[in-house]
Amino acid sequence: MVYLSAKQLVAVNLKALSGTGESTIIRNAEGLSSIETLHKQGFFDKEAYPSIQKKIGIVFIKIINLHPFEDGNKRTAVLAATIMAKLNGYALTFTNKEIESLALRVAATDDIELDYEQVYSQFKVHLTKISKSN
């Protein structure tokens, strides 16, 4: 599994903000650091996020909820999810409206009330394995 480092997430935020006149400002360095390692966590030799949809989903959720950047967290979450999928041989099939709606729903829901499994299931439905051409 290929993950994004904190440094790469900063670059993703920079890309998300390109053309907006906004600049990348880290607002929550601890949150950013935790996002880098969260999807790799395990308990008693059992992965906390064993599937690709859970790994991508937790990064998506936490970029939105932990607000590591001053601006562009939802856009960064969408780009990071897309990049993680591609780096691991998958494509996301969300329409722009679907992924925007999901990001807005995550942002509008208190973390304790967010149905993480529902978010993961949305990623499962919208992940397609990329076939390799010879």
N, C-alpha and C. Protein backbone atom coordinates (compact mmCIF):
# COMPACT_ATOMS: atom_id res chain seq x y z
N MET A 1 0.85 -1.18 0.00
CA MET A 1 0.00 0.00 0.00
C MET A 1 0.89 1.24 0.00
N VAL A 2 0.59 2.17 -0.88
CA VAL A 2 1.33 3.43 -0.95
C VAL A 2 0.53 4.49 -0.20
N TYR A 3 1.21 5.18 0.71
CA TYR A 3 0.59 6.21 1.53
C TYR A 3 1.15 7.58 1.15
N LEU A 4 0.49 8.63 1.60
CA LEU A 4 0.99 9.98 1.40
C LEU A 4 1.61 10.47 2.71
N SER A 5 2.80 11.04 2.60
CA SER A 5 3.47 11.60 3.77
C SER A 5 2.89 12.98 4.07
N ALA A 6 3.22 13.51 5.22
CA ALA A 6 2.78 14.86 5.58
C ALA A 6 3.30 15.87 4.56
N LYS A 7 4.53 15.70 4.13
CA LYS A 7 5.11 16.60 3.12
C LYS A 7 4.33 16.51 1.81
N GLN A 8 3.94 15.31 1.42
CA GLN A 8 3.14 15.15 0.20
C GLN A 8 1.75 15.75 0.37
N LEU A 9 1.17 15.64 1.57
CA LEU A 9 -0.14 16.25 1.81
C LEU A 9 -0.07 17.77 1.72
N VAL A 10 1.04 18.34 2.14
CA VAL A 10 1.24 19.79 1.99
C VAL A 10 1.26 20.13 0.50
N ALA A 11 1.95 19.33 -0.30
CA ALA A 11 1.99 19.55 -1.75
C ALA A 11 0.60 19.40 -2.38
N VAL A 12 -0.18 18.47 -1.87
CA VAL A 12 -1.55 18.29 -2.36
C VAL A 12 -2.39 19.52 -2.03
N ASN A 13 -2.21 20.06 -0.82
CA ASN A 13 -2.93 21.27 -0.45
C ASN A 13 -2.53 22.43 -1.35
N LEU A 14 -1.25 22.55 -1.63
CA LEU A 14 -0.75 23.59 -2.53
C LEU A 14 -1.42 23.48 -3.90
N LYS A 15 -1.53 22.25 -4.40
CA LYS A 15 -2.20 22.01 -5.69
C LYS A 15 -3.68 22.37 -5.60
N ALA A 16 -4.32 21.99 -4.50
CA ALA A 16 -5.75 22.28 -4.32
C ALA A 16 -6.02 23.78 -4.31
N LEU A 17 -5.05 24.55 -3.84
CA LEU A 17 -5.22 26.00 -3.74
C LEU A 17 -4.72 26.76 -4.97
N SER A 18 -4.10 26.05 -5.91
CA SER A 18 -3.52 26.73 -7.07
C SER A 18 -4.61 27.48 -7.84
N GLY A 19 -4.28 28.70 -8.20
CA GLY A 19 -5.21 29.53 -8.95
C GLY A 19 -6.23 30.26 -8.10
N THR A 20 -6.19 30.08 -6.78
CA THR A 20 -7.19 30.72 -5.91
C THR A 20 -6.65 31.98 -5.25
N GLY A 21 -5.35 32.17 -5.29
CA GLY A 21 -4.74 33.28 -4.58
C GLY A 21 -4.47 32.97 -3.12
N GLU A 22 -4.93 31.80 -2.67
CA GLU A 22 -4.69 31.37 -1.29
C GLU A 22 -3.34 30.66 -1.23
N SER A 23 -2.73 30.63 -0.07
CA SER A 23 -1.46 29.93 0.08
C SER A 23 -1.58 28.87 1.17
N THR A 24 -0.72 27.88 1.07
CA THR A 24 -0.72 26.80 2.04
C THR A 24 -0.19 27.30 3.37
N ILE A 25 -1.02 27.18 4.39
CA ILE A 25 -0.63 27.51 5.76
C ILE A 25 -1.04 26.33 6.62
N ILE A 26 -0.08 25.75 7.32
CA ILE A 26 -0.40 24.63 8.21
C ILE A 26 -1.00 25.21 9.48
N ARG A 27 -2.22 24.82 9.76
CA ARG A 27 -2.96 25.30 10.92
C ARG A 27 -2.86 24.33 12.10
N ASN A 28 -2.72 23.04 11.79
CA ASN A 28 -2.73 22.00 12.81
C ASN A 28 -1.65 20.98 12.45
N ALA A 29 -0.40 21.26 12.84
CA ALA A 29 0.74 20.39 12.50
C ALA A 29 0.60 19.00 13.13
N GLU A 30 0.09 18.94 14.35
CA GLU A 30 -0.11 17.64 15.00
C GLU A 30 -1.16 16.81 14.26
N GLY A 31 -2.23 17.47 13.83
CA GLY A 31 -3.26 16.78 13.05
C GLY A 31 -2.71 16.25 11.75
N LEU A 32 -1.91 17.07 11.07
CA LEU A 32 -1.29 16.66 9.82
C LEU A 32 -0.39 15.45 10.03
N SER A 33 0.39 15.48 11.08
CA SER A 33 1.28 14.36 11.41
C SER A 33 0.48 13.10 11.71
N SER A 34 -0.64 13.24 12.41
CA SER A 34 -1.45 12.06 12.75
C SER A 34 -2.11 11.47 11.51
N ILE A 35 -2.47 12.32 10.55
CA ILE A 35 -3.07 11.82 9.30
C ILE A 35 -2.07 10.95 8.55
N GLU A 36 -0.82 11.33 8.60
CA GLU A 36 0.23 10.57 7.92
C GLU A 36 0.33 9.13 8.44
N THR A 37 0.08 8.93 9.71
CA THR A 37 0.27 7.60 10.31
C THR A 37 -1.03 6.88 10.67
N LEU A 38 -2.13 7.58 10.71
CA LEU A 38 -3.39 7.01 11.20
C LEU A 38 -3.81 5.76 10.45
N HIS A 39 -3.78 5.80 9.14
CA HIS A 39 -4.27 4.67 8.35
C HIS A 39 -3.34 3.46 8.40
N LYS A 40 -2.19 3.60 9.03
CA LYS A 40 -1.25 2.47 9.19
C LYS A 40 -1.38 1.81 10.56
N GLN A 41 -2.23 2.35 11.42
CA GLN A 41 -2.32 1.86 12.79
C GLN A 41 -2.88 0.44 12.87
N GLY A 42 -2.50 -0.22 13.94
CA GLY A 42 -3.01 -1.54 14.22
C GLY A 42 -3.09 -1.78 15.71
N PHE A 43 -3.84 -2.78 16.09
CA PHE A 43 -4.01 -3.15 17.48
C PHE A 43 -3.86 -4.66 17.59
N PHE A 44 -2.92 -5.09 18.41
CA PHE A 44 -2.69 -6.52 18.63
C PHE A 44 -2.53 -7.25 17.29
N ASP A 45 -1.66 -6.73 16.44
CA ASP A 45 -1.36 -7.31 15.12
C ASP A 45 -2.56 -7.34 14.17
N LYS A 46 -3.55 -6.52 14.43
CA LYS A 46 -4.70 -6.41 13.52
C LYS A 46 -4.77 -4.97 13.04
N GLU A 47 -4.81 -4.79 11.72
CA GLU A 47 -4.88 -3.45 11.16
C GLU A 47 -6.18 -2.77 11.55
N ALA A 48 -6.09 -1.50 11.92
CA ALA A 48 -7.29 -0.73 12.24
C ALA A 48 -8.08 -0.41 10.98
N TYR A 49 -7.37 -0.25 9.87
CA TYR A 49 -8.00 0.08 8.58
C TYR A 49 -7.49 -0.92 7.55
N PRO A 50 -8.05 -2.14 7.53
CA PRO A 50 -7.48 -3.22 6.74
C PRO A 50 -7.73 -3.13 5.23
N SER A 51 -8.74 -2.41 4.80
CA SER A 51 -9.06 -2.36 3.38
C SER A 51 -8.65 -1.03 2.77
N ILE A 52 -8.50 -1.02 1.47
CA ILE A 52 -8.11 0.22 0.80
C ILE A 52 -9.17 1.30 0.98
N GLN A 53 -10.45 0.93 0.97
CA GLN A 53 -11.49 1.95 1.14
C GLN A 53 -11.44 2.56 2.54
N LYS A 54 -11.05 1.79 3.53
CA LYS A 54 -10.92 2.33 4.89
C LYS A 54 -9.68 3.20 5.01
N LYS A 55 -8.58 2.80 4.37
CA LYS A 55 -7.36 3.60 4.42
C LYS A 55 -7.58 4.96 3.73
N ILE A 56 -8.17 4.93 2.55
CA ILE A 56 -8.46 6.17 1.83
C ILE A 56 -9.52 6.96 2.58
N GLY A 57 -10.53 6.28 3.06
CA GLY A 57 -11.63 6.95 3.77
C GLY A 57 -11.19 7.66 5.03
N ILE A 58 -10.30 7.06 5.80
CA ILE A 58 -9.87 7.70 7.05
C ILE A 58 -9.01 8.93 6.75
N VAL A 59 -8.20 8.88 5.71
CA VAL A 59 -7.42 10.05 5.32
C VAL A 59 -8.36 11.17 4.87
N PHE A 60 -9.35 10.83 4.06
CA PHE A 60 -10.35 11.79 3.59
C PHE A 60 -11.07 12.46 4.78
N ILE A 61 -11.56 11.65 5.68
CA ILE A 61 -12.29 12.16 6.85
C ILE A 61 -11.41 13.06 7.71
N LYS A 62 -10.22 12.59 8.02
CA LYS A 62 -9.38 13.33 8.96
C LYS A 62 -8.80 14.62 8.37
N ILE A 63 -8.55 14.66 7.06
CA ILE A 63 -8.12 15.93 6.47
C ILE A 63 -9.24 16.95 6.64
N ILE A 64 -10.48 16.52 6.46
CA ILE A 64 -11.61 17.43 6.61
C ILE A 64 -11.83 17.80 8.08
N ASN A 65 -11.84 16.82 8.97
CA ASN A 65 -12.20 17.07 10.37
C ASN A 65 -11.09 17.66 11.23
N LEU A 66 -9.84 17.33 10.94
CA LEU A 66 -8.74 17.85 11.74
C LEU A 66 -8.27 19.22 11.24
N HIS A 67 -8.72 19.61 10.07
CA HIS A 67 -8.39 20.93 9.52
C HIS A 67 -6.89 21.24 9.63
N PRO A 68 -6.05 20.41 9.01
CA PRO A 68 -4.62 20.68 9.15
C PRO A 68 -4.16 21.95 8.42
N PHE A 69 -4.96 22.41 7.45
CA PHE A 69 -4.58 23.58 6.68
C PHE A 69 -5.55 24.73 6.93
N GLU A 70 -5.06 25.93 6.73
CA GLU A 70 -5.89 27.12 6.90
C GLU A 70 -7.06 27.13 5.92
N ASP A 71 -6.77 26.75 4.66
CA ASP A 71 -7.79 26.74 3.61
C ASP A 71 -7.67 25.48 2.78
N GLY A 72 -8.78 25.09 2.15
CA GLY A 72 -8.76 24.03 1.16
C GLY A 72 -8.75 22.61 1.70
N ASN A 73 -9.20 22.40 2.92
CA ASN A 73 -9.15 21.04 3.50
C ASN A 73 -10.04 20.05 2.75
N LYS A 74 -11.25 20.45 2.36
CA LYS A 74 -12.13 19.53 1.63
C LYS A 74 -11.55 19.23 0.25
N ARG A 75 -11.06 20.26 -0.43
CA ARG A 75 -10.43 20.05 -1.74
C ARG A 75 -9.19 19.16 -1.60
N THR A 76 -8.42 19.39 -0.55
CA THR A 76 -7.22 18.57 -0.31
C THR A 76 -7.62 17.13 -0.04
N ALA A 77 -8.68 16.92 0.72
CA ALA A 77 -9.15 15.56 1.02
C ALA A 77 -9.55 14.83 -0.25
N VAL A 78 -10.25 15.52 -1.14
CA VAL A 78 -10.67 14.91 -2.40
C VAL A 78 -9.45 14.55 -3.25
N LEU A 79 -8.53 15.49 -3.38
CA LEU A 79 -7.31 15.22 -4.17
C LEU A 79 -6.47 14.10 -3.55
N ALA A 80 -6.32 14.12 -2.23
CA ALA A 80 -5.52 13.08 -1.56
C ALA A 80 -6.15 11.70 -1.77
N ALA A 81 -7.47 11.61 -1.66
CA ALA A 81 -8.15 10.33 -1.89
C ALA A 81 -7.93 9.85 -3.32
N THR A 82 -8.04 10.77 -4.27
CA THR A 82 -7.84 10.43 -5.68
C THR A 82 -6.41 9.96 -5.94
N ILE A 83 -5.45 10.66 -5.37
CA ILE A 83 -4.04 10.30 -5.55
C ILE A 83 -3.73 8.97 -4.89
N MET A 84 -4.21 8.76 -3.65
CA MET A 84 -3.96 7.48 -2.97
C MET A 84 -4.55 6.32 -3.76
N ALA A 85 -5.75 6.51 -4.29
CA ALA A 85 -6.38 5.46 -5.10
C ALA A 85 -5.49 5.14 -6.31
N LYS A 86 -5.08 6.17 -7.03
CA LYS A 86 -4.28 5.98 -8.24
C LYS A 86 -2.94 5.32 -7.93
N LEU A 87 -2.28 5.77 -6.88
CA LEU A 87 -0.98 5.20 -6.51
C LEU A 87 -1.08 3.71 -6.17
N ASN A 88 -2.27 3.28 -5.80
CA ASN A 88 -2.47 1.88 -5.42
C ASN A 88 -3.26 1.09 -6.46
N GLY A 89 -3.32 1.63 -7.69
CA GLY A 89 -3.91 0.89 -8.80
C GLY A 89 -5.42 0.99 -8.91
N TYR A 90 -6.00 2.03 -8.36
CA TYR A 90 -7.45 2.21 -8.40
C TYR A 90 -7.80 3.59 -8.95
N ALA A 91 -9.03 3.71 -9.39
CA ALA A 91 -9.59 5.01 -9.78
C ALA A 91 -10.84 5.24 -8.96
N LEU A 92 -11.10 6.49 -8.62
CA LEU A 92 -12.35 6.85 -7.95
C LEU A 92 -13.37 7.22 -9.02
N THR A 93 -14.59 6.70 -8.89
CA THR A 93 -15.62 6.92 -9.91
C THR A 93 -16.72 7.88 -9.46
N PHE A 94 -16.49 8.60 -8.36
CA PHE A 94 -17.45 9.60 -7.91
C PHE A 94 -17.63 10.65 -9.01
N THR A 95 -18.84 11.16 -9.16
CA THR A 95 -19.02 12.37 -9.95
C THR A 95 -18.56 13.53 -9.07
N ASN A 96 -18.33 14.68 -9.68
CA ASN A 96 -17.94 15.85 -8.89
C ASN A 96 -18.99 16.16 -7.84
N LYS A 97 -20.25 16.05 -8.21
CA LYS A 97 -21.34 16.34 -7.27
C LYS A 97 -21.36 15.34 -6.11
N GLU A 98 -21.12 14.06 -6.40
CA GLU A 98 -21.12 13.02 -5.36
C GLU A 98 -20.00 13.23 -4.34
N ILE A 99 -18.77 13.48 -4.83
CA ILE A 99 -17.65 13.64 -3.90
C ILE A 99 -17.77 14.95 -3.15
N GLU A 100 -18.30 15.99 -3.79
CA GLU A 100 -18.53 17.25 -3.10
C GLU A 100 -19.56 17.08 -1.99
N SER A 101 -20.62 16.35 -2.29
CA SER A 101 -21.66 16.10 -1.30
C SER A 101 -21.11 15.31 -0.11
N LEU A 102 -20.29 14.31 -0.39
CA LEU A 102 -19.69 13.52 0.69
C LEU A 102 -18.77 14.39 1.55
N ALA A 103 -17.94 15.20 0.91
CA ALA A 103 -17.03 16.07 1.66
C ALA A 103 -17.81 17.07 2.52
N LEU A 104 -18.86 17.64 1.97
CA LEU A 104 -19.68 18.60 2.73
C LEU A 104 -20.38 17.92 3.90
N ARG A 105 -20.84 16.68 3.69
CA ARG A 105 -21.51 15.93 4.76
C ARG A 105 -20.53 15.62 5.89
N VAL A 106 -19.32 15.20 5.54
CA VAL A 106 -18.30 14.94 6.57
C VAL A 106 -17.99 16.22 7.33
N ALA A 107 -17.84 17.33 6.62
CA ALA A 107 -17.51 18.60 7.26
C ALA A 107 -18.63 19.09 8.17
N ALA A 108 -19.87 18.79 7.82
CA ALA A 108 -21.02 19.30 8.58
C ALA A 108 -21.40 18.42 9.77
N THR A 109 -20.78 17.25 9.87
CA THR A 109 -21.15 16.30 10.92
C THR A 109 -20.06 16.27 12.00
N ASP A 110 -20.46 16.41 13.26
CA ASP A 110 -19.51 16.27 14.35
C ASP A 110 -18.86 14.90 14.28
N ASP A 111 -17.57 14.85 14.53
CA ASP A 111 -16.82 13.60 14.40
C ASP A 111 -17.46 12.46 15.18
N ILE A 112 -17.93 12.73 16.37
CA ILE A 112 -18.52 11.67 17.20
C ILE A 112 -19.83 11.12 16.61
N GLU A 113 -20.49 11.92 15.78
CA GLU A 113 -21.75 11.51 15.17
C GLU A 113 -21.58 10.98 13.75
N LEU A 114 -20.38 11.11 13.19
CA LEU A 114 -20.14 10.69 11.81
C LEU A 114 -20.15 9.17 11.71
N ASP A 115 -20.87 8.66 10.74
CA ASP A 115 -20.91 7.23 10.47
C ASP A 115 -19.73 6.88 9.55
N TYR A 116 -18.62 6.53 10.14
CA TYR A 116 -17.40 6.23 9.38
C TYR A 116 -17.65 5.08 8.41
N GLU A 117 -18.36 4.07 8.84
CA GLU A 117 -18.60 2.92 7.96
C GLU A 117 -19.37 3.31 6.71
N GLN A 118 -20.26 4.28 6.83
CA GLN A 118 -21.00 4.75 5.67
C GLN A 118 -20.06 5.46 4.69
N VAL A 119 -19.13 6.24 5.21
CA VAL A 119 -18.14 6.90 4.35
C VAL A 119 -17.27 5.85 3.67
N TYR A 120 -16.80 4.86 4.44
CA TYR A 120 -15.98 3.79 3.86
C TYR A 120 -16.75 3.05 2.77
N SER A 121 -18.03 2.80 2.99
CA SER A 121 -18.82 2.07 2.00
C SER A 121 -18.97 2.89 0.72
N GLN A 122 -19.02 4.22 0.84
CA GLN A 122 -19.07 5.06 -0.36
C GLN A 122 -17.77 4.93 -1.16
N PHE A 123 -16.65 4.87 -0.46
CA PHE A 123 -15.39 4.68 -1.17
C PHE A 123 -15.32 3.28 -1.79
N LYS A 124 -15.84 2.28 -1.12
CA LYS A 124 -15.83 0.92 -1.68
C LYS A 124 -16.62 0.88 -2.98
N VAL A 125 -17.79 1.51 -3.00
CA VAL A 125 -18.64 1.54 -4.19
C VAL A 125 -17.95 2.29 -5.34
N HIS A 126 -17.17 3.30 -5.00
CA HIS A 126 -16.59 4.17 -6.02
C HIS A 126 -15.10 3.93 -6.29
N LEU A 127 -14.59 2.77 -5.89
CA LEU A 127 -13.21 2.37 -6.22
C LEU A 127 -13.24 1.31 -7.30
N THR A 128 -12.52 1.56 -8.37
CA THR A 128 -12.44 0.60 -9.46
C THR A 128 -10.97 0.29 -9.72
N LYS A 129 -10.65 -1.00 -9.81
CA LYS A 129 -9.29 -1.41 -10.08
C LYS A 129 -8.92 -1.00 -11.51
N ILE A 130 -7.75 -0.38 -11.64
CA ILE A 130 -7.27 0.02 -12.97
C ILE A 130 -6.60 -1.18 -13.60
N SER A 131 -7.03 -1.52 -14.81
CA SER A 131 -6.40 -2.65 -15.49
C SER A 131 -5.09 -2.19 -16.10
N LYS A 132 -4.10 -3.04 -16.03
CA LYS A 132 -2.78 -2.73 -16.57
C LYS A 132 -2.73 -3.12 -18.04
N SER A 133 -2.29 -2.20 -18.86
CA SER A 133 -2.15 -2.47 -20.30
C SER A 133 -0.77 -3.04 -20.57
N ASN A 134 -0.68 -3.94 -21.50
CA ASN A 134 0.61 -4.52 -21.87
C ASN A 134 1.29 -3.68 -22.90
